[in-house]
Amino acid sequence: MTKPAAPKRHLPTSPFKAPVAPAPKHFDTGDQVTHDVYGLGRVVGIEDGVAALVDFGSAQMRILSPYPKMTKL
């Protein structure tokens, strides 16, 4: 068995800036979105920051948060 890698920590004396976590994406019902795999779609439902139900025309897909491949248009 192997242990998971420990998270890297940022030293305060380092000349390099600490990595900044991106702000979570927020979608509302009716937003037009694009997805890297499924293409253009419209948000038809939101599950309290857990997932978004998106209608892509040919199919409705449940996209899980943090929505790495989805962008609001």
PDB file of N, CA and C in Angstrom:
ATOM      1  N   MET A   1       0.825  -1.177   0.000  1.00  0.00           N
ATOM      2  CA  MET A   1       0.000   0.000   0.000  1.00  0.00           C
ATOM      3  C   MET A   1       0.866   1.236   0.000  1.00  0.00           C
ATOM      4  N   THR A   2       0.380   2.247  -0.693  1.00  0.00           N
ATOM      5  CA  THR A   2       1.115   3.504  -0.715  1.00  0.00           C
ATOM      6  C   THR A   2       0.266   4.601  -0.097  1.00  0.00           C
ATOM      7  N   LYS A   3       0.917   5.550   0.509  1.00  0.00           N
ATOM      8  CA  LYS A   3       0.229   6.683   1.117  1.00  0.00           C
ATOM      9  C   LYS A   3       0.037   7.763   0.059  1.00  0.00           C
ATOM     10  N   PRO A   4      -1.036   8.529   0.154  1.00  0.00           N
ATOM     11  CA  PRO A   4      -1.198   9.639  -0.785  1.00  0.00           C
ATOM     12  C   PRO A   4      -0.134  10.702  -0.538  1.00  0.00           C
ATOM     13  N   ALA A   5       0.223  11.414  -1.573  1.00  0.00           N
ATOM     14  CA  ALA A   5       1.258  12.438  -1.451  1.00  0.00           C
ATOM     15  C   ALA A   5       0.772  13.559  -0.546  1.00  0.00           C
ATOM     16  N   ALA A   6       1.675  14.056   0.260  1.00  0.00           N
ATOM     17  CA  ALA A   6       1.349  15.160   1.159  1.00  0.00           C
ATOM     18  C   ALA A   6       1.222  16.441   0.340  1.00  0.00           C
ATOM     19  N   PRO A   7       0.304  17.325   0.719  1.00  0.00           N
ATOM     20  CA  PRO A   7       0.168  18.580  -0.026  1.00  0.00           C
ATOM     21  C   PRO A   7       1.412  19.440   0.159  1.00  0.00           C
ATOM     22  N   LYS A   8       1.785  20.133  -0.893  1.00  0.00           N
ATOM     23  CA  LYS A   8       2.956  21.000  -0.808  1.00  0.00           C
ATOM     24  C   LYS A   8       2.579  22.253  -0.045  1.00  0.00           C
ATOM     25  N   ARG A   9       3.469  22.691   0.806  1.00  0.00           N
ATOM     26  CA  ARG A   9       3.180  23.901   1.557  1.00  0.00           C
ATOM     27  C   ARG A   9       4.047  25.035   1.039  1.00  0.00           C
ATOM     28  N   HIS A  10       3.544  26.232   1.166  1.00  0.00           N
ATOM     29  CA  HIS A  10       4.235  27.419   0.689  1.00  0.00           C
ATOM     30  C   HIS A  10       4.987  28.063   1.843  1.00  0.00           C
ATOM     31  N   LEU A  11       6.260  28.300   1.653  1.00  0.00           N
ATOM     32  CA  LEU A  11       7.062  28.947   2.695  1.00  0.00           C
ATOM     33  C   LEU A  11       6.885  30.463   2.601  1.00  0.00           C
ATOM     34  N   PRO A  12       6.657  31.134   3.708  1.00  0.00           N
ATOM     35  CA  PRO A  12       6.444  32.578   3.670  1.00  0.00           C
ATOM     36  C   PRO A  12       7.660  33.353   3.174  1.00  0.00           C
ATOM     37  N   THR A  13       8.857  32.773   3.259  1.00  0.00           N
ATOM     38  CA  THR A  13      10.068  33.455   2.805  1.00  0.00           C
ATOM     39  C   THR A  13      10.368  33.181   1.335  1.00  0.00           C
ATOM     40  N   SER A  14       9.539  32.415   0.674  1.00  0.00           N
ATOM     41  CA  SER A  14       9.763  32.072  -0.726  1.00  0.00           C
ATOM     42  C   SER A  14       9.542  33.290  -1.623  1.00  0.00           C
ATOM     43  N   PRO A  15      10.403  33.473  -2.645  1.00  0.00           N
ATOM     44  CA  PRO A  15      10.204  34.599  -3.570  1.00  0.00           C
ATOM     45  C   PRO A  15       9.038  34.355  -4.543  1.00  0.00           C
ATOM     46  N   PHE A  16       8.523  33.158  -4.576  1.00  0.00           N
ATOM     47  CA  PHE A  16       7.430  32.824  -5.475  1.00  0.00           C
ATOM     48  C   PHE A  16       6.103  32.989  -4.752  1.00  0.00           C
ATOM     49  N   LYS A  17       5.091  33.424  -5.473  1.00  0.00           N
ATOM     50  CA  LYS A  17       3.788  33.629  -4.856  1.00  0.00           C
ATOM     51  C   LYS A  17       3.104  32.288  -4.635  1.00  0.00           C
ATOM     52  N   ALA A  18       2.314  32.216  -3.578  1.00  0.00           N
ATOM     53  CA  ALA A  18       1.556  31.002  -3.281  1.00  0.00           C
ATOM     54  C   ALA A  18       0.475  30.834  -4.347  1.00  0.00           C
ATOM     55  N   PRO A  19       0.197  29.587  -4.738  1.00  0.00           N
ATOM     56  CA  PRO A  19      -0.858  29.378  -5.738  1.00  0.00           C
ATOM     57  C   PRO A  19      -2.210  29.807  -5.174  1.00  0.00           C
ATOM     58  N   VAL A  20      -2.979  30.461  -6.012  1.00  0.00           N
ATOM     59  CA  VAL A  20      -4.282  30.958  -5.602  1.00  0.00           C
ATOM     60  C   VAL A  20      -5.349  30.005  -6.138  1.00  0.00           C
ATOM     61  N   ALA A  21      -6.239  29.571  -5.263  1.00  0.00           N
ATOM     62  CA  ALA A  21      -7.321  28.684  -5.690  1.00  0.00           C
ATOM     63  C   ALA A  21      -8.324  29.494  -6.508  1.00  0.00           C
ATOM     64  N   PRO A  22      -8.750  28.978  -7.679  1.00  0.00           N
ATOM     65  CA  PRO A  22      -9.713  29.719  -8.487  1.00  0.00           C
ATOM     66  C   PRO A  22     -11.065  29.805  -7.785  1.00  0.00           C
ATOM     67  N   ALA A  23     -11.772  30.896  -8.027  1.00  0.00           N
ATOM     68  CA  ALA A  23     -13.093  31.069  -7.427  1.00  0.00           C
ATOM     69  C   ALA A  23     -14.047  30.036  -8.014  1.00  0.00           C
ATOM     70  N   PRO A  24     -14.932  29.488  -7.196  1.00  0.00           N
ATOM     71  CA  PRO A  24     -15.867  28.484  -7.723  1.00  0.00           C
ATOM     72  C   PRO A  24     -16.810  29.115  -8.740  1.00  0.00           C
ATOM     73  N   LYS A  25     -17.125  28.350  -9.772  1.00  0.00           N
ATOM     74  CA  LYS A  25     -18.024  28.837 -10.811  1.00  0.00           C
ATOM     75  C   LYS A  25     -19.451  28.761 -10.298  1.00  0.00           C
ATOM     76  N   HIS A  26     -20.245  29.746 -10.678  1.00  0.00           N
ATOM     77  CA  HIS A  26     -21.632  29.804 -10.239  1.00  0.00           C
ATOM     78  C   HIS A  26     -22.529  29.885 -11.468  1.00  0.00           C
ATOM     79  N   PHE A  27     -23.475  28.978 -11.571  1.00  0.00           N
ATOM     80  CA  PHE A  27     -24.414  28.957 -12.686  1.00  0.00           C
ATOM     81  C   PHE A  27     -25.828  29.098 -12.163  1.00  0.00           C
ATOM     82  N   ASP A  28     -26.692  29.737 -12.940  1.00  0.00           N
ATOM     83  CA  ASP A  28     -28.100  29.899 -12.604  1.00  0.00           C
ATOM     84  C   ASP A  28     -28.946  29.214 -13.665  1.00  0.00           C
ATOM     85  N   THR A  29     -30.182  28.886 -13.310  1.00  0.00           N
ATOM     86  CA  THR A  29     -31.109  28.286 -14.264  1.00  0.00           C
ATOM     87  C   THR A  29     -31.320  29.268 -15.413  1.00  0.00           C
ATOM     88  N   GLY A  30     -31.220  28.768 -16.635  1.00  0.00           N
ATOM     89  CA  GLY A  30     -31.395  29.590 -17.826  1.00  0.00           C
ATOM     90  C   GLY A  30     -30.102  30.074 -18.442  1.00  0.00           C
ATOM     91  N   ASP A  31     -28.972  29.907 -17.756  1.00  0.00           N
ATOM     92  CA  ASP A  31     -27.682  30.331 -18.317  1.00  0.00           C
ATOM     93  C   ASP A  31     -27.322  29.476 -19.520  1.00  0.00           C
ATOM     94  N   GLN A  32     -26.791  30.130 -20.555  1.00  0.00           N
ATOM     95  CA  GLN A  32     -26.294  29.394 -21.710  1.00  0.00           C
ATOM     96  C   GLN A  32     -24.828  29.083 -21.438  1.00  0.00           C
ATOM     97  N   VAL A  33     -24.445  27.813 -21.647  1.00  0.00           N
ATOM     98  CA  VAL A  33     -23.096  27.355 -21.322  1.00  0.00           C
ATOM     99  C   VAL A  33     -22.508  26.579 -22.495  1.00  0.00           C
ATOM    100  N   THR A  34     -21.205  26.403 -22.439  1.00  0.00           N
ATOM    101  CA  THR A  34     -20.526  25.526 -23.375  1.00  0.00           C
ATOM    102  C   THR A  34     -19.693  24.539 -22.567  1.00  0.00           C
ATOM    103  N   HIS A  35     -19.650  23.307 -23.032  1.00  0.00           N
ATOM    104  CA  HIS A  35     -18.914  22.239 -22.357  1.00  0.00           C
ATOM    105  C   HIS A  35     -17.900  21.682 -23.345  1.00  0.00           C
ATOM    106  N   ASP A  36     -16.706  21.354 -22.878  1.00  0.00           N
ATOM    107  CA  ASP A  36     -15.640  20.859 -23.749  1.00  0.00           C
ATOM    108  C   ASP A  36     -16.018  19.565 -24.462  1.00  0.00           C
ATOM    109  N   VAL A  37     -16.845  18.735 -23.870  1.00  0.00           N
ATOM    110  CA  VAL A  37     -17.211  17.445 -24.452  1.00  0.00           C
ATOM    111  C   VAL A  37     -18.572  17.499 -25.138  1.00  0.00           C
ATOM    112  N   TYR A  38     -19.569  18.109 -24.470  1.00  0.00           N
ATOM    113  CA  TYR A  38     -20.948  18.057 -24.953  1.00  0.00           C
ATOM    114  C   TYR A  38     -21.355  19.232 -25.827  1.00  0.00           C
ATOM    115  N   GLY A  39     -20.623  20.334 -25.809  1.00  0.00           N
ATOM    116  CA  GLY A  39     -20.922  21.478 -26.656  1.00  0.00           C
ATOM    117  C   GLY A  39     -21.839  22.493 -25.975  1.00  0.00           C
ATOM    118  N   LEU A  40     -22.684  23.175 -26.795  1.00  0.00           N
ATOM    119  CA  LEU A  40     -23.578  24.213 -26.297  1.00  0.00           C
ATOM    120  C   LEU A  40     -24.756  23.632 -25.557  1.00  0.00           C
ATOM    121  N   GLY A  41     -25.168  24.313 -24.488  1.00  0.00           N
ATOM    122  CA  GLY A  41     -26.311  23.848 -23.726  1.00  0.00           C
ATOM    123  C   GLY A  41     -26.896  24.958 -22.883  1.00  0.00           C
ATOM    124  N   ARG A  42     -27.995  24.642 -22.197  1.00  0.00           N
ATOM    125  CA  ARG A  42     -28.662  25.598 -21.319  1.00  0.00           C
ATOM    126  C   ARG A  42     -28.924  24.926 -19.981  1.00  0.00           C
ATOM    127  N   VAL A  43     -28.601  25.627 -18.886  1.00  0.00           N
ATOM    128  CA  VAL A  43     -28.804  25.100 -17.539  1.00  0.00           C
ATOM    129  C   VAL A  43     -30.307  25.071 -17.257  1.00  0.00           C
ATOM    130  N   VAL A  44     -30.821  23.882 -16.904  1.00  0.00           N
ATOM    131  CA  VAL A  44     -32.244  23.740 -16.603  1.00  0.00           C
ATOM    132  C   VAL A  44     -32.490  23.461 -15.126  1.00  0.00           C
ATOM    133  N   GLY A  45     -31.438  23.196 -14.367  1.00  0.00           N
ATOM    134  CA  GLY A  45     -31.610  22.952 -12.932  1.00  0.00           C
ATOM    135  C   GLY A  45     -30.293  23.018 -12.198  1.00  0.00           C
ATOM    136  N   ILE A  46     -30.360  23.387 -10.917  1.00  0.00           N
ATOM    137  CA  ILE A  46     -29.175  23.470 -10.056  1.00  0.00           C
ATOM    138  C   ILE A  46     -29.447  22.663  -8.796  1.00  0.00           C
ATOM    139  N   GLU A  47     -28.456  21.900  -8.345  1.00  0.00           N
ATOM    140  CA  GLU A  47     -28.562  21.113  -7.116  1.00  0.00           C
ATOM    141  C   GLU A  47     -27.631  21.683  -6.053  1.00  0.00           C
ATOM    142  N   ASP A  48     -27.960  22.844  -5.489  1.00  0.00           N
ATOM    143  CA  ASP A  48     -27.251  23.474  -4.368  1.00  0.00           C
ATOM    144  C   ASP A  48     -25.734  23.338  -4.407  1.00  0.00           C
ATOM    145  N   GLY A  49     -25.095  23.737  -5.485  1.00  0.00           N
ATOM    146  CA  GLY A  49     -23.647  23.718  -5.591  1.00  0.00           C
ATOM    147  C   GLY A  49     -23.029  22.349  -5.772  1.00  0.00           C
ATOM    148  N   VAL A  50     -23.849  21.305  -5.902  1.00  0.00           N
ATOM    149  CA  VAL A  50     -23.333  19.950  -6.074  1.00  0.00           C
ATOM    150  C   VAL A  50     -23.242  19.605  -7.555  1.00  0.00           C
ATOM    151  N   ALA A  51     -24.268  19.975  -8.311  1.00  0.00           N
ATOM    152  CA  ALA A  51     -24.313  19.638  -9.727  1.00  0.00           C
ATOM    153  C   ALA A  51     -25.248  20.583 -10.455  1.00  0.00           C
ATOM    154  N   ALA A  52     -25.121  20.604 -11.776  1.00  0.00           N
ATOM    155  CA  ALA A  52     -26.011  21.377 -12.634  1.00  0.00           C
ATOM    156  C   ALA A  52     -26.593  20.436 -13.677  1.00  0.00           C
ATOM    157  N   LEU A  53     -27.889  20.537 -13.920  1.00  0.00           N
ATOM    158  CA  LEU A  53     -28.550  19.755 -14.958  1.00  0.00           C
ATOM    159  C   LEU A  53     -28.585  20.630 -16.203  1.00  0.00           C
ATOM    160  N   VAL A  54     -27.938  20.160 -17.276  1.00  0.00           N
ATOM    161  CA  VAL A  54     -27.785  20.958 -18.486  1.00  0.00           C
ATOM    162  C   VAL A  54     -28.405  20.226 -19.662  1.00  0.00           C
ATOM    163  N   ASP A  55     -29.226  20.965 -20.438  1.00  0.00           N
ATOM    164  CA  ASP A  55     -29.850  20.424 -21.644  1.00  0.00           C
ATOM    165  C   ASP A  55     -28.962  20.781 -22.832  1.00  0.00           C
ATOM    166  N   PHE A  56     -28.395  19.762 -23.482  1.00  0.00           N
ATOM    167  CA  PHE A  56     -27.527  19.970 -24.631  1.00  0.00           C
ATOM    168  C   PHE A  56     -28.251  19.717 -25.947  1.00  0.00           C
ATOM    169  N   GLY A  57     -29.563  19.661 -25.938  1.00  0.00           N
ATOM    170  CA  GLY A  57     -30.343  19.441 -27.146  1.00  0.00           C
ATOM    171  C   GLY A  57     -30.613  17.973 -27.373  1.00  0.00           C
ATOM    172  N   SER A  58     -29.579  17.194 -27.572  1.00  0.00           N
ATOM    173  CA  SER A  58     -29.744  15.757 -27.810  1.00  0.00           C
ATOM    174  C   SER A  58     -29.838  14.968 -26.512  1.00  0.00           C
ATOM    175  N   ALA A  59     -29.359  15.545 -25.405  1.00  0.00           N
ATOM    176  CA  ALA A  59     -29.372  14.842 -24.122  1.00  0.00           C
ATOM    177  C   ALA A  59     -29.302  15.841 -22.979  1.00  0.00           C
ATOM    178  N   GLN A  60     -29.822  15.444 -21.821  1.00  0.00           N
ATOM    179  CA  GLN A  60     -29.656  16.226 -20.605  1.00  0.00           C
ATOM    180  C   GLN A  60     -28.595  15.532 -19.761  1.00  0.00           C
ATOM    181  N   MET A  61     -27.616  16.300 -19.320  1.00  0.00           N
ATOM    182  CA  MET A  61     -26.519  15.738 -18.550  1.00  0.00           C
ATOM    183  C   MET A  61     -26.444  16.433 -17.197  1.00  0.00           C
ATOM    184  N   ARG A  62     -26.046  15.662 -16.187  1.00  0.00           N
ATOM    185  CA  ARG A  62     -25.822  16.186 -14.840  1.00  0.00           C
ATOM    186  C   ARG A  62     -24.320  16.413 -14.705  1.00  0.00           C
ATOM    187  N   ILE A  63     -23.906  17.674 -14.670  1.00  0.00           N
ATOM    188  CA  ILE A  63     -22.491  18.036 -14.601  1.00  0.00           C
ATOM    189  C   ILE A  63     -22.159  18.349 -13.143  1.00  0.00           C
ATOM    190  N   LEU A  64     -21.178  17.652 -12.592  1.00  0.00           N
ATOM    191  CA  LEU A  64     -20.808  17.813 -11.185  1.00  0.00           C
ATOM    192  C   LEU A  64     -19.901  19.023 -10.977  1.00  0.00           C
ATOM    193  N   SER A  65     -20.049  19.635  -9.799  1.00  0.00           N
ATOM    194  CA  SER A  65     -19.201  20.744  -9.396  1.00  0.00           C
ATOM    195  C   SER A  65     -17.787  20.211  -9.187  1.00  0.00           C
ATOM    196  N   PRO A  66     -16.747  20.891  -9.489  1.00  0.00           N
ATOM    197  CA  PRO A  66     -16.548  22.318  -9.728  1.00  0.00           C
ATOM    198  C   PRO A  66     -16.583  22.725 -11.182  1.00  0.00           C
ATOM    199  N   TYR A  67     -17.209  21.968 -12.044  1.00  0.00           N
ATOM    200  CA  TYR A  67     -17.450  22.308 -13.453  1.00  0.00           C
ATOM    201  C   TYR A  67     -16.160  22.677 -14.198  1.00  0.00           C
ATOM    202  N   PRO A  68     -15.153  21.810 -14.221  1.00  0.00           N
ATOM    203  CA  PRO A  68     -13.872  22.174 -14.841  1.00  0.00           C
ATOM    204  C   PRO A  68     -13.957  22.367 -16.349  1.00  0.00           C
ATOM    205  N   LYS A  69     -14.878  21.707 -17.025  1.00  0.00           N
ATOM    206  CA  LYS A  69     -14.937  21.791 -18.475  1.00  0.00           C
ATOM    207  C   LYS A  69     -16.102  22.627 -18.983  1.00  0.00           C
ATOM    208  N   MET A  70     -16.804  23.347 -18.075  1.00  0.00           N
ATOM    209  CA  MET A  70     -17.986  24.104 -18.465  1.00  0.00           C
ATOM    210  C   MET A  70     -17.758  25.595 -18.243  1.00  0.00           C
ATOM    211  N   THR A  71     -18.202  26.412 -19.220  1.00  0.00           N
ATOM    212  CA  THR A  71     -18.017  27.839 -19.174  1.00  0.00           C
ATOM    213  C   THR A  71     -19.334  28.536 -19.492  1.00  0.00           C
ATOM    214  N   LYS A  72     -19.625  29.608 -18.754  1.00  0.00           N
ATOM    215  CA  LYS A  72     -20.826  30.400 -19.014  1.00  0.00           C
ATOM    216  C   LYS A  72     -20.573  31.307 -20.204  1.00  0.00           C
ATOM    217  N   LEU A  73     -21.550  31.426 -21.101  1.00  0.00           N
ATOM    218  CA  LEU A  73     -21.425  32.314 -22.260  1.00  0.00           C
ATOM    219  C   LEU A  73     -22.070  33.651 -21.991  1.00  0.00           C
TER     220      LEU A  73
END
